[in-house]
Amino acid sequence: MPDRPTALVTAPFRGEGLATLRRLVDVVYDPWIEQHPLRIYSSEQLAARAEQEGATVLVIETDSVKGPVLELPLVAIGSCRGDPNNVDVEAATARGIPVLRAPGRNADAVAELTVALLFAVNRGVVRADRDVREGEMFRDGTIPYQRFRAWQLAGQTAGIVGLGAVGRATRWRLEGLGMRVIAYDPYADDATHSLPDLLAEADIVSMHAAVTPETRGLIGSDEFARMKEGAVYLNTARAMLHDTDALVAALQSGKLGGAGLDHFEGEHLATDHPLVVMPNVVLTPHIGGATYDTEANHSRLIADGLEQLLHGGKPDNLVNPEVLA
């Protein structure tokens, strides 16, 4: 390994993490998020760029790190994600390449959007904004106070499904609103409810589980049927956690009082999809983690982990510690 490696950084990097990285390595900084049109490297493109720059450290967020990339003489890979699913970790491990990740980088950001969606759905914020902009304060001969009455959130019960970093960040925010918060997570000792019990008890159901074989399609027709009449369903995690057709049916029947969604399969929702025309549904295009703080957080985690690696340490955010043996 050269005394001073070169790092190709295609992830957005900022704050103290960027300062640390510049102290450790020579940095070629070319973040994907600042490219117009959008640029996401394939493995072949990333390998060619890394070879061109003489980079032995890669710090990426969206680019594919597989195949030819892992044939390069890499010192380390930093994936600025909680789950480094853009990296072939098994192949990197076989090549002896350490892979760093950024757990919890966007927990506060996603939790804040969850609360925003909850307020938007419960208080009809989007519809109310539209009425003002369209000069329809007294739409259909009614007054706003009639159209936008709602039960306050204080005193209601929120059920969190998945008590990881985002679930915990959401829990204390909802408790701060005066809500009673219960949780289901078979891997968290302080999550004391089963899923059926949570669904039957919660006024608000908020999804924060990772997508795994056991959680894919976790919420379907039976689960929506178990929920309380008029419950609000929130998903700022992944659309794969629920059956979208079953969600639409639960909304159309009036079983659910509303929904707030920040993710759709394939990162796309057709403009003629039934969810689009539902006034009690608020839709955002996967922006839960879109804060500058998320970037600062993953920058610090990856840079600190790399510093430990370069000094012979074992970072907590190392995905494959067996390579150090």
C-alpha atoms as a PDB file:
ATOM      1  CA  MET A   1       0.000   0.000   0.000  1.00  0.00           C
ATOM      2  CA  PRO A   2       1.425   3.438  -0.876  1.00  0.00           C
ATOM      3  CA  ASP A   3       2.091   5.808   1.986  1.00  0.00           C
ATOM      4  CA  ARG A   4      -0.670   8.082   0.778  1.00  0.00           C
ATOM      5  CA  PRO A   5      -3.469   6.352  -1.149  1.00  0.00           C
ATOM      6  CA  THR A   6      -5.737   8.102  -3.620  1.00  0.00           C
ATOM      7  CA  ALA A   7      -9.470   7.965  -2.979  1.00  0.00           C
ATOM      8  CA  LEU A   8     -12.059   8.329  -5.707  1.00  0.00           C
ATOM      9  CA  VAL A   9     -15.102   9.796  -3.970  1.00  0.00           C
ATOM     10  CA  THR A  10     -18.316   9.678  -5.993  1.00  0.00           C
ATOM     11  CA  ALA A  11     -20.544  10.074  -2.936  1.00  0.00           C
ATOM     12  CA  PRO A  12     -21.485  13.524  -1.607  1.00  0.00           C
ATOM     13  CA  PHE A  13     -19.051  14.281   1.224  1.00  0.00           C
ATOM     14  CA  ARG A  14     -19.050  17.231   3.602  1.00  0.00           C
ATOM     15  CA  GLY A  15     -18.160  18.513   7.069  1.00  0.00           C
ATOM     16  CA  GLU A  16     -15.584  17.048   9.394  1.00  0.00           C
ATOM     17  CA  GLY A  17     -15.629  13.759   7.496  1.00  0.00           C
ATOM     18  CA  LEU A  18     -14.371  15.423   4.337  1.00  0.00           C
ATOM     19  CA  ALA A  19     -11.644  17.191   6.320  1.00  0.00           C
ATOM     20  CA  THR A  20     -10.584  13.876   7.863  1.00  0.00           C
ATOM     21  CA  LEU A  21     -10.554  12.168   4.481  1.00  0.00           C
ATOM     22  CA  ARG A  22      -8.376  14.877   2.929  1.00  0.00           C
ATOM     23  CA  ARG A  23      -5.935  14.473   5.805  1.00  0.00           C
ATOM     24  CA  LEU A  24      -5.684  10.731   5.219  1.00  0.00           C
ATOM     25  CA  VAL A  25      -5.618  10.396   1.425  1.00  0.00           C
ATOM     26  CA  ASP A  26      -5.418  12.303  -1.832  1.00  0.00           C
ATOM     27  CA  VAL A  27      -9.029  12.926  -2.782  1.00  0.00           C
ATOM     28  CA  VAL A  28     -10.532  12.938  -6.264  1.00  0.00           C
ATOM     29  CA  TYR A  29     -13.970  14.357  -5.477  1.00  0.00           C
ATOM     30  CA  ASP A  30     -16.665  13.949  -8.127  1.00  0.00           C
ATOM     31  CA  PRO A  31     -20.042  13.315  -6.429  1.00  0.00           C
ATOM     32  CA  TRP A  32     -22.781  11.703  -8.491  1.00  0.00           C
ATOM     33  CA  ILE A  33     -25.466  13.924  -6.997  1.00  0.00           C
ATOM     34  CA  GLU A  34     -24.017  17.059  -8.588  1.00  0.00           C
ATOM     35  CA  GLN A  35     -24.078  15.659 -12.131  1.00  0.00           C
ATOM     36  CA  HIS A  36     -26.589  16.860 -14.721  1.00  0.00           C
ATOM     37  CA  PRO A  37     -27.798  14.713 -16.340  1.00  0.00           C
ATOM     38  CA  LEU A  38     -27.763  12.131 -13.572  1.00  0.00           C
ATOM     39  CA  ARG A  39     -24.693   9.871 -13.496  1.00  0.00           C
ATOM     40  CA  ILE A  40     -24.521   6.486 -11.807  1.00  0.00           C
ATOM     41  CA  TYR A  41     -21.525   4.358 -12.754  1.00  0.00           C
ATOM     42  CA  SER A  42     -21.877   0.742 -13.755  1.00  0.00           C
ATOM     43  CA  SER A  43     -19.164  -1.574 -12.434  1.00  0.00           C
ATOM     44  CA  GLU A  44     -17.306  -1.322 -15.725  1.00  0.00           C
ATOM     45  CA  GLN A  45     -17.466   2.474 -15.741  1.00  0.00           C
ATOM     46  CA  LEU A  46     -16.392   2.736 -12.109  1.00  0.00           C
ATOM     47  CA  ALA A  47     -13.473   0.359 -12.650  1.00  0.00           C
ATOM     48  CA  ALA A  48     -12.277   2.420 -15.632  1.00  0.00           C
ATOM     49  CA  ARG A  49     -12.565   5.683 -13.683  1.00  0.00           C
ATOM     50  CA  ALA A  50     -10.768   4.275 -10.623  1.00  0.00           C
ATOM     51  CA  GLU A  51      -7.967   2.937 -12.797  1.00  0.00           C
ATOM     52  CA  GLN A  52      -7.680   6.275 -14.589  1.00  0.00           C
ATOM     53  CA  GLU A  53      -7.315   8.116 -11.274  1.00  0.00           C
ATOM     54  CA  GLY A  54      -4.978   5.533  -9.744  1.00  0.00           C
ATOM     55  CA  ALA A  55      -7.441   5.164  -6.871  1.00  0.00           C
ATOM     56  CA  THR A  56      -6.991   2.416  -4.288  1.00  0.00           C
ATOM     57  CA  VAL A  57      -9.812   3.671  -2.059  1.00  0.00           C
ATOM     58  CA  LEU A  58     -13.389   4.012  -3.324  1.00  0.00           C
ATOM     59  CA  VAL A  59     -16.095   5.986  -1.519  1.00  0.00           C
ATOM     60  CA  ILE A  60     -19.412   5.515  -3.249  1.00  0.00           C
ATOM     61  CA  GLU A  61     -23.146   5.814  -2.612  1.00  0.00           C
ATOM     62  CA  THR A  62     -25.018   4.692  -5.730  1.00  0.00           C
ATOM     63  CA  ASP A  63     -22.391   3.291  -8.098  1.00  0.00           C
ATOM     64  CA  SER A  64     -22.147  -0.457  -8.644  1.00  0.00           C
ATOM     65  CA  VAL A  65     -19.124  -2.086  -6.996  1.00  0.00           C
ATOM     66  CA  LYS A  66     -18.942  -5.539  -8.511  1.00  0.00           C
ATOM     67  CA  GLY A  67     -16.973  -7.615 -11.018  1.00  0.00           C
ATOM     68  CA  PRO A  68     -14.154  -5.570 -12.592  1.00  0.00           C
ATOM     69  CA  VAL A  69     -14.042  -3.058  -9.736  1.00  0.00           C
ATOM     70  CA  LEU A  70     -13.016  -5.801  -7.333  1.00  0.00           C
ATOM     71  CA  GLU A  71     -10.181  -6.894  -9.600  1.00  0.00           C
ATOM     72  CA  LEU A  72      -8.405  -3.600  -8.821  1.00  0.00           C
ATOM     73  CA  PRO A  73      -5.788  -3.427  -6.025  1.00  0.00           C
ATOM     74  CA  LEU A  74      -8.142  -1.709  -3.574  1.00  0.00           C
ATOM     75  CA  VAL A  75      -7.218  -0.849   0.000  1.00  0.00           C
ATOM     76  CA  ALA A  76     -10.808  -0.201   1.083  1.00  0.00           C
ATOM     77  CA  ILE A  77     -14.349   0.492  -0.103  1.00  0.00           C
ATOM     78  CA  GLY A  78     -16.628   2.900   1.706  1.00  0.00           C
ATOM     79  CA  SER A  79     -20.330   2.515   0.908  1.00  0.00           C
ATOM     80  CA  CYS A  80     -22.269   5.509   2.200  1.00  0.00           C
ATOM     81  CA  ARG A  81     -25.342   3.423   2.999  1.00  0.00           C
ATOM     82  CA  GLY A  82     -26.647   1.676   6.054  1.00  0.00           C
ATOM     83  CA  ASP A  83     -26.902  -1.481   3.963  1.00  0.00           C
ATOM     84  CA  PRO A  84     -24.088  -1.590   1.367  1.00  0.00           C
ATOM     85  CA  ASN A  85     -26.258  -3.394  -1.179  1.00  0.00           C
ATOM     86  CA  ASN A  86     -24.486  -1.706  -4.097  1.00  0.00           C
ATOM     87  CA  VAL A  87     -21.316  -3.635  -3.201  1.00  0.00           C
ATOM     88  CA  ASP A  88     -20.661  -7.327  -3.846  1.00  0.00           C
ATOM     89  CA  VAL A  89     -19.496  -7.849  -0.272  1.00  0.00           C
ATOM     90  CA  GLU A  90     -18.906 -11.568  -0.715  1.00  0.00           C
ATOM     91  CA  ALA A  91     -16.592 -10.982  -3.655  1.00  0.00           C
ATOM     92  CA  ALA A  92     -14.829  -8.110  -1.869  1.00  0.00           C
ATOM     93  CA  THR A  93     -14.251 -10.361   1.117  1.00  0.00           C
ATOM     94  CA  ALA A  94     -12.838 -13.086  -1.109  1.00  0.00           C
ATOM     95  CA  ARG A  95     -10.391 -10.504  -2.475  1.00  0.00           C
ATOM     96  CA  GLY A  96      -9.486  -9.324   1.047  1.00  0.00           C
ATOM     97  CA  ILE A  97     -10.941  -5.845   0.549  1.00  0.00           C
ATOM     98  CA  PRO A  98     -12.467  -4.190   3.642  1.00  0.00           C
ATOM     99  CA  VAL A  99     -15.940  -2.719   3.112  1.00  0.00           C
ATOM    100  CA  LEU A 100     -17.192   0.101   5.340  1.00  0.00           C
ATOM    101  CA  ARG A 101     -20.824   1.170   5.714  1.00  0.00           C
ATOM    102  CA  ALA A 102     -22.711   4.088   7.297  1.00  0.00           C
ATOM    103  CA  PRO A 103     -25.284   2.728   9.758  1.00  0.00           C
ATOM    104  CA  GLY A 104     -27.940   5.155  10.963  1.00  0.00           C
ATOM    105  CA  ARG A 105     -26.735   7.952   8.703  1.00  0.00           C
ATOM    106  CA  ASN A 106     -30.260   9.064   7.786  1.00  0.00           C
ATOM    107  CA  ALA A 107     -32.184   8.016  10.898  1.00  0.00           C
ATOM    108  CA  ASP A 108     -33.115  11.527  12.021  1.00  0.00           C
ATOM    109  CA  ALA A 109     -33.892  12.662   8.486  1.00  0.00           C
ATOM    110  CA  VAL A 110     -36.278   9.781   7.783  1.00  0.00           C
ATOM    111  CA  ALA A 111     -37.892  10.120  11.206  1.00  0.00           C
ATOM    112  CA  GLU A 112     -38.561  13.801  10.531  1.00  0.00           C
ATOM    113  CA  LEU A 113     -40.196  13.023   7.191  1.00  0.00           C
ATOM    114  CA  THR A 114     -42.318  10.361   8.889  1.00  0.00           C
ATOM    115  CA  VAL A 115     -43.651  12.998  11.265  1.00  0.00           C
ATOM    116  CA  ALA A 116     -44.159  15.408   8.359  1.00  0.00           C
ATOM    117  CA  LEU A 117     -46.209  12.842   6.441  1.00  0.00           C
ATOM    118  CA  LEU A 118     -48.232  12.066   9.544  1.00  0.00           C
ATOM    119  CA  PHE A 119     -49.183  15.715  10.009  1.00  0.00           C
ATOM    120  CA  ALA A 120     -49.818  16.167   6.295  1.00  0.00           C
ATOM    121  CA  VAL A 121     -52.193  13.201   6.192  1.00  0.00           C
ATOM    122  CA  ASN A 122     -53.921  13.814   9.519  1.00  0.00           C
ATOM    123  CA  ARG A 123     -54.482  17.550   9.064  1.00  0.00           C
ATOM    124  CA  GLY A 124     -55.017  17.587   5.293  1.00  0.00           C
ATOM    125  CA  VAL A 125     -52.121  19.989   4.798  1.00  0.00           C
ATOM    126  CA  VAL A 126     -51.667  19.336   1.065  1.00  0.00           C
ATOM    127  CA  ARG A 127     -55.375  19.703   0.298  1.00  0.00           C
ATOM    128  CA  ALA A 128     -55.630  22.814   2.412  1.00  0.00           C
ATOM    129  CA  ASP A 129     -52.651  24.392   0.644  1.00  0.00           C
ATOM    130  CA  ARG A 130     -54.276  23.625  -2.717  1.00  0.00           C
ATOM    131  CA  ASP A 131     -57.550  25.243  -1.646  1.00  0.00           C
ATOM    132  CA  VAL A 132     -55.764  28.464  -0.732  1.00  0.00           C
ATOM    133  CA  ARG A 133     -53.721  28.540  -3.963  1.00  0.00           C
ATOM    134  CA  GLU A 134     -56.818  27.897  -6.077  1.00  0.00           C
ATOM    135  CA  GLY A 135     -58.928  30.512  -4.313  1.00  0.00           C
ATOM    136  CA  GLU A 136     -61.251  27.815  -2.991  1.00  0.00           C
ATOM    137  CA  MET A 137     -61.310  28.740   0.676  1.00  0.00           C
ATOM    138  CA  PHE A 138     -65.028  27.974   0.648  1.00  0.00           C
ATOM    139  CA  ARG A 139     -64.921  24.985  -1.676  1.00  0.00           C
ATOM    140  CA  ASP A 140     -68.343  23.487  -2.453  1.00  0.00           C
ATOM    141  CA  GLY A 141     -70.074  25.938  -0.125  1.00  0.00           C
ATOM    142  CA  THR A 142     -68.209  24.792   2.995  1.00  0.00           C
ATOM    143  CA  ILE A 143     -65.793  26.508   5.330  1.00  0.00           C
ATOM    144  CA  PRO A 144     -62.257  25.154   5.957  1.00  0.00           C
ATOM    145  CA  TYR A 145     -63.131  24.324   9.556  1.00  0.00           C
ATOM    146  CA  GLN A 146     -65.699  21.845   8.260  1.00  0.00           C
ATOM    147  CA  ARG A 147     -63.455  20.178   5.688  1.00  0.00           C
ATOM    148  CA  PHE A 148     -60.290  19.836   7.757  1.00  0.00           C
ATOM    149  CA  ARG A 149     -61.397  18.770  11.208  1.00  0.00           C
ATOM    150  CA  ALA A 150     -59.259  15.953  12.608  1.00  0.00           C
ATOM    151  CA  TRP A 151     -58.454  14.175  15.832  1.00  0.00           C
ATOM    152  CA  GLN A 152     -55.302  15.516  17.428  1.00  0.00           C
ATOM    153  CA  LEU A 153     -52.318  13.183  17.598  1.00  0.00           C
ATOM    154  CA  ALA A 154     -51.689  13.713  21.303  1.00  0.00           C
ATOM    155  CA  GLY A 155     -53.211  10.808  23.185  1.00  0.00           C
ATOM    156  CA  GLN A 156     -53.287   8.460  20.203  1.00  0.00           C
ATOM    157  CA  THR A 157     -51.273   5.239  19.900  1.00  0.00           C
ATOM    158  CA  ALA A 158     -48.555   4.859  17.276  1.00  0.00           C
ATOM    159  CA  GLY A 159     -47.259   1.433  16.311  1.00  0.00           C
ATOM    160  CA  ILE A 160     -43.719   1.208  14.958  1.00  0.00           C
ATOM    161  CA  VAL A 161     -42.807  -1.842  12.880  1.00  0.00           C
ATOM    162  CA  GLY A 162     -39.031  -2.200  12.967  1.00  0.00           C
ATOM    163  CA  LEU A 163     -37.123  -0.721  15.896  1.00  0.00           C
ATOM    164  CA  GLY A 164     -33.770  -0.003  14.314  1.00  0.00           C
ATOM    165  CA  ALA A 165     -32.088   3.378  14.105  1.00  0.00           C
ATOM    166  CA  VAL A 166     -34.943   5.018  12.179  1.00  0.00           C
ATOM    167  CA  GLY A 167     -37.649   3.363  14.269  1.00  0.00           C
ATOM    168  CA  ARG A 168     -36.039   4.598  17.475  1.00  0.00           C
ATOM    169  CA  ALA A 169     -35.556   8.104  16.092  1.00  0.00           C
ATOM    170  CA  THR A 170     -39.237   8.122  15.158  1.00  0.00           C
ATOM    171  CA  ARG A 171     -40.337   6.757  18.530  1.00  0.00           C
ATOM    172  CA  TRP A 172     -39.023   9.617  20.644  1.00  0.00           C
ATOM    173  CA  ARG A 173     -40.400  12.195  18.244  1.00  0.00           C
ATOM    174  CA  LEU A 174     -43.880  10.708  18.434  1.00  0.00           C
ATOM    175  CA  GLU A 175     -43.628  10.437  22.206  1.00  0.00           C
ATOM    176  CA  GLY A 176     -42.715  14.125  22.205  1.00  0.00           C
ATOM    177  CA  LEU A 177     -46.025  14.819  20.476  1.00  0.00           C
ATOM    178  CA  GLY A 178     -47.835  13.195  23.387  1.00  0.00           C
ATOM    179  CA  MET A 179     -48.445   9.896  21.659  1.00  0.00           C
ATOM    180  CA  ARG A 180     -48.241   6.459  23.229  1.00  0.00           C
ATOM    181  CA  VAL A 181     -45.769   4.421  21.170  1.00  0.00           C
ATOM    182  CA  ILE A 182     -45.669   0.630  20.877  1.00  0.00           C
ATOM    183  CA  ALA A 183     -43.358  -1.440  18.673  1.00  0.00           C
ATOM    184  CA  TYR A 184     -42.947  -4.776  16.933  1.00  0.00           C
ATOM    185  CA  ASP A 185     -39.464  -6.080  16.164  1.00  0.00           C
ATOM    186  CA  PRO A 186     -38.503  -9.696  16.882  1.00  0.00           C
ATOM    187  CA  TYR A 187     -34.850  -8.642  17.193  1.00  0.00           C
ATOM    188  CA  ALA A 188     -35.337  -5.825  19.729  1.00  0.00           C
ATOM    189  CA  ASP A 189     -35.899  -6.700  23.375  1.00  0.00           C
ATOM    190  CA  ASP A 190     -37.750  -3.454  24.069  1.00  0.00           C
ATOM    191  CA  ALA A 191     -40.288  -4.090  21.298  1.00  0.00           C
ATOM    192  CA  THR A 192     -42.950  -5.800  23.383  1.00  0.00           C
ATOM    193  CA  HIS A 193     -45.837  -6.284  20.934  1.00  0.00           C
ATOM    194  CA  SER A 194     -46.535  -8.977  18.381  1.00  0.00           C
ATOM    195  CA  LEU A 195     -47.442  -7.703  14.931  1.00  0.00           C
ATOM    196  CA  PRO A 196     -51.136  -8.725  15.188  1.00  0.00           C
ATOM    197  CA  ASP A 197     -51.468  -7.035  18.597  1.00  0.00           C
ATOM    198  CA  LEU A 198     -49.773  -3.860  17.364  1.00  0.00           C
ATOM    199  CA  LEU A 199     -51.997  -3.617  14.300  1.00  0.00           C
ATOM    200  CA  ALA A 200     -55.137  -4.030  16.381  1.00  0.00           C
ATOM    201  CA  GLU A 201     -54.093  -1.421  18.932  1.00  0.00           C
ATOM    202  CA  ALA A 202     -52.411   1.354  16.934  1.00  0.00           C
ATOM    203  CA  ASP A 203     -54.107   4.436  15.502  1.00  0.00           C
ATOM    204  CA  ILE A 204     -50.985   5.070  13.415  1.00  0.00           C
ATOM    205  CA  VAL A 205     -48.878   2.267  11.899  1.00  0.00           C
ATOM    206  CA  SER A 206     -45.402   3.341  10.766  1.00  0.00           C
ATOM    207  CA  MET A 207     -43.067   1.028   8.846  1.00  0.00           C
ATOM    208  CA  HIS A 208     -39.330   1.082   9.581  1.00  0.00           C
ATOM    209  CA  ALA A 209     -38.187  -2.482   8.949  1.00  0.00           C
ATOM    210  CA  ALA A 210     -35.435  -3.512   6.562  1.00  0.00           C
ATOM    211  CA  VAL A 211     -36.482  -5.514   3.515  1.00  0.00           C
ATOM    212  CA  THR A 212     -35.542  -9.156   4.040  1.00  0.00           C
ATOM    213  CA  PRO A 213     -37.122 -12.415   2.891  1.00  0.00           C
ATOM    214  CA  GLU A 214     -39.169 -12.460   6.117  1.00  0.00           C
ATOM    215  CA  THR A 215     -40.369  -8.829   5.872  1.00  0.00           C
ATOM    216  CA  ARG A 216     -41.114  -8.624   2.151  1.00  0.00           C
ATOM    217  CA  GLY A 217     -44.895  -8.239   1.839  1.00  0.00           C
ATOM    218  CA  LEU A 218     -45.190  -8.150   5.637  1.00  0.00           C
ATOM    219  CA  ILE A 219     -48.335  -6.020   5.489  1.00  0.00           C
ATOM    220  CA  GLY A 220     -51.031  -7.482   3.229  1.00  0.00           C
ATOM    221  CA  SER A 221     -54.795  -7.854   3.132  1.00  0.00           C
ATOM    222  CA  ASP A 222     -55.007  -9.721   6.444  1.00  0.00           C
ATOM    223  CA  GLU A 223     -52.815  -7.174   8.208  1.00  0.00           C
ATOM    224  CA  PHE A 224     -54.743  -4.170   6.885  1.00  0.00           C
ATOM    225  CA  ALA A 225     -57.950  -5.901   7.994  1.00  0.00           C
ATOM    226  CA  ARG A 226     -56.549  -6.159  11.534  1.00  0.00           C
ATOM    227  CA  MET A 227     -55.956  -2.420  11.792  1.00  0.00           C
ATOM    228  CA  LYS A 228     -58.348  -0.099  13.558  1.00  0.00           C
ATOM    229  CA  GLU A 229     -61.058   1.626  11.563  1.00  0.00           C
ATOM    230  CA  GLY A 230     -59.659   4.908  10.286  1.00  0.00           C
ATOM    231  CA  ALA A 231     -56.024   4.064  11.078  1.00  0.00           C
ATOM    232  CA  VAL A 232     -53.269   5.955   9.245  1.00  0.00           C
ATOM    233  CA  TYR A 233     -50.564   3.910   7.508  1.00  0.00           C
ATOM    234  CA  LEU A 234     -47.074   5.379   6.997  1.00  0.00           C
ATOM    235  CA  ASN A 235     -44.193   3.868   5.063  1.00  0.00           C
ATOM    236  CA  THR A 236     -40.934   5.814   4.795  1.00  0.00           C
ATOM    237  CA  ALA A 237     -38.892   2.621   4.473  1.00  0.00           C
ATOM    238  CA  ARG A 238     -39.554   0.512   1.366  1.00  0.00           C
ATOM    239  CA  ALA A 239     -42.680  -0.241  -0.672  1.00  0.00           C
ATOM    240  CA  MET A 240     -41.741  -3.934  -0.693  1.00  0.00           C
ATOM    241  CA  LEU A 241     -42.836  -4.145   2.943  1.00  0.00           C
ATOM    242  CA  HIS A 242     -46.500  -3.976   1.929  1.00  0.00           C
ATOM    243  CA  ASP A 243     -48.845  -5.257  -0.742  1.00  0.00           C
ATOM    244  CA  THR A 244     -49.742  -2.100  -2.665  1.00  0.00           C
ATOM    245  CA  ASP A 245     -52.955  -3.557  -4.105  1.00  0.00           C
ATOM    246  CA  ALA A 246     -54.076  -4.477  -0.595  1.00  0.00           C
ATOM    247  CA  LEU A 247     -53.232  -0.964   0.599  1.00  0.00           C
ATOM    248  CA  VAL A 248     -55.303   0.569  -2.195  1.00  0.00           C
ATOM    249  CA  ALA A 249     -58.245  -1.698  -1.325  1.00  0.00           C
ATOM    250  CA  ALA A 250     -58.033  -0.764   2.373  1.00  0.00           C
ATOM    251  CA  LEU A 251     -58.065   2.932   1.482  1.00  0.00           C
ATOM    252  CA  GLN A 252     -60.877   2.619  -1.036  1.00  0.00           C
ATOM    253  CA  SER A 253     -63.060   0.703   1.419  1.00  0.00           C
ATOM    254  CA  GLY A 254     -62.586   3.349   4.102  1.00  0.00           C
ATOM    255  CA  LYS A 255     -60.869   0.859   6.419  1.00  0.00           C
ATOM    256  CA  LEU A 256     -57.841   3.148   6.507  1.00  0.00           C
ATOM    257  CA  GLY A 257     -58.239   6.835   7.179  1.00  0.00           C
ATOM    258  CA  GLY A 258     -55.184   7.765   5.135  1.00  0.00           C
ATOM    259  CA  ALA A 259     -51.630   6.943   4.165  1.00  0.00           C
ATOM    260  CA  GLY A 260     -48.280   8.675   3.767  1.00  0.00           C
ATOM    261  CA  LEU A 261     -45.767   6.990   1.463  1.00  0.00           C
ATOM    262  CA  ASP A 262     -42.187   7.876   0.566  1.00  0.00           C
ATOM    263  CA  HIS A 263     -41.245   4.896  -1.584  1.00  0.00           C
ATOM    264  CA  PHE A 264     -42.567   2.974  -4.557  1.00  0.00           C
ATOM    265  CA  GLU A 265     -41.290  -0.155  -6.269  1.00  0.00           C
ATOM    266  CA  GLY A 266     -38.896   0.768  -9.040  1.00  0.00           C
ATOM    267  CA  GLU A 267     -38.791   4.351  -7.685  1.00  0.00           C
ATOM    268  CA  HIS A 268     -41.856   5.101  -9.811  1.00  0.00           C
ATOM    269  CA  LEU A 269     -45.609   5.483  -9.436  1.00  0.00           C
ATOM    270  CA  ALA A 270     -47.704   5.692 -12.583  1.00  0.00           C
ATOM    271  CA  THR A 271     -49.675   8.915 -12.897  1.00  0.00           C
ATOM    272  CA  ASP A 272     -52.873   6.910 -13.358  1.00  0.00           C
ATOM    273  CA  HIS A 273     -52.286   4.772 -10.248  1.00  0.00           C
ATOM    274  CA  PRO A 274     -55.261   4.748  -7.826  1.00  0.00           C
ATOM    275  CA  LEU A 275     -53.106   6.205  -5.024  1.00  0.00           C
ATOM    276  CA  VAL A 276     -52.509   9.378  -7.047  1.00  0.00           C
ATOM    277  CA  VAL A 277     -56.132  10.534  -6.943  1.00  0.00           C
ATOM    278  CA  MET A 278     -56.824   9.729  -3.291  1.00  0.00           C
ATOM    279  CA  PRO A 279     -57.175  12.971  -1.295  1.00  0.00           C
ATOM    280  CA  ASN A 280     -56.277  11.250   1.992  1.00  0.00           C
ATOM    281  CA  VAL A 281     -52.929   9.984   0.675  1.00  0.00           C
ATOM    282  CA  VAL A 282     -49.710  12.038   0.662  1.00  0.00           C
ATOM    283  CA  LEU A 283     -46.929  10.871  -1.660  1.00  0.00           C
ATOM    284  CA  THR A 284     -43.250  11.868  -1.696  1.00  0.00           C
ATOM    285  CA  PRO A 285     -40.537  10.572  -4.091  1.00  0.00           C
ATOM    286  CA  HIS A 286     -38.158   8.761  -1.705  1.00  0.00           C
ATOM    287  CA  ILE A 287     -36.752  11.904  -0.056  1.00  0.00           C
ATOM    288  CA  GLY A 288     -36.633  10.673   3.546  1.00  0.00           C
ATOM    289  CA  GLY A 289     -32.845  10.764   3.759  1.00  0.00           C
ATOM    290  CA  ALA A 290     -32.382  13.844   1.569  1.00  0.00           C
ATOM    291  CA  THR A 291     -30.712  16.175   4.052  1.00  0.00           C
ATOM    292  CA  TYR A 292     -27.248  17.681   4.154  1.00  0.00           C
ATOM    293  CA  ASP A 293     -26.947  16.185   7.632  1.00  0.00           C
ATOM    294  CA  THR A 294     -27.275  12.685   6.169  1.00  0.00           C
ATOM    295  CA  GLU A 295     -24.271  13.449   3.965  1.00  0.00           C
ATOM    296  CA  ALA A 296     -22.296  14.855   6.898  1.00  0.00           C
ATOM    297  CA  ASN A 297     -23.136  11.778   8.970  1.00  0.00           C
ATOM    298  CA  HIS A 298     -22.019   9.240   6.375  1.00  0.00           C
ATOM    299  CA  SER A 299     -18.907  11.316   5.659  1.00  0.00           C
ATOM    300  CA  ARG A 300     -17.860  11.147   9.299  1.00  0.00           C
ATOM    301  CA  LEU A 301     -18.625   7.437   9.634  1.00  0.00           C
ATOM    302  CA  ILE A 302     -16.732   6.422   6.497  1.00  0.00           C
ATOM    303  CA  ALA A 303     -13.752   8.725   7.116  1.00  0.00           C
ATOM    304  CA  ASP A 304     -13.386   7.659  10.745  1.00  0.00           C
ATOM    305  CA  GLY A 305     -13.643   4.016   9.754  1.00  0.00           C
ATOM    306  CA  LEU A 306     -11.009   4.454   7.059  1.00  0.00           C
ATOM    307  CA  GLU A 307      -8.678   6.179   9.515  1.00  0.00           C
ATOM    308  CA  GLN A 308      -8.948   3.221  11.872  1.00  0.00           C
ATOM    309  CA  LEU A 309      -8.289   0.797   9.023  1.00  0.00           C
ATOM    310  CA  LEU A 310      -5.220   2.652   7.805  1.00  0.00           C
ATOM    311  CA  HIS A 311      -3.834   2.607  11.348  1.00  0.00           C
ATOM    312  CA  GLY A 312      -4.388  -1.101  11.833  1.00  0.00           C
ATOM    313  CA  GLY A 313      -7.653  -0.869  13.756  1.00  0.00           C
ATOM    314  CA  LYS A 314     -10.998  -2.646  13.436  1.00  0.00           C
ATOM    315  CA  PRO A 315     -13.808  -0.135  12.792  1.00  0.00           C
ATOM    316  CA  ASP A 316     -17.258  -0.823  14.198  1.00  0.00           C
ATOM    317  CA  ASN A 317     -18.752  -0.093  10.774  1.00  0.00           C
ATOM    318  CA  LEU A 318     -16.631  -2.684   8.969  1.00  0.00           C
ATOM    319  CA  VAL A 319     -18.969  -5.087   7.160  1.00  0.00           C
ATOM    320  CA  ASN A 320     -16.440  -7.896   6.687  1.00  0.00           C
ATOM    321  CA  PRO A 321     -14.016  -7.906   9.641  1.00  0.00           C
ATOM    322  CA  GLU A 322     -12.780 -11.361   8.612  1.00  0.00           C
ATOM    323  CA  VAL A 323     -10.584  -9.722   5.947  1.00  0.00           C
ATOM    324  CA  LEU A 324      -8.385  -8.280   8.690  1.00  0.00           C
ATOM    325  CA  ALA A 325      -7.301 -11.778   9.678  1.00  0.00           C
END
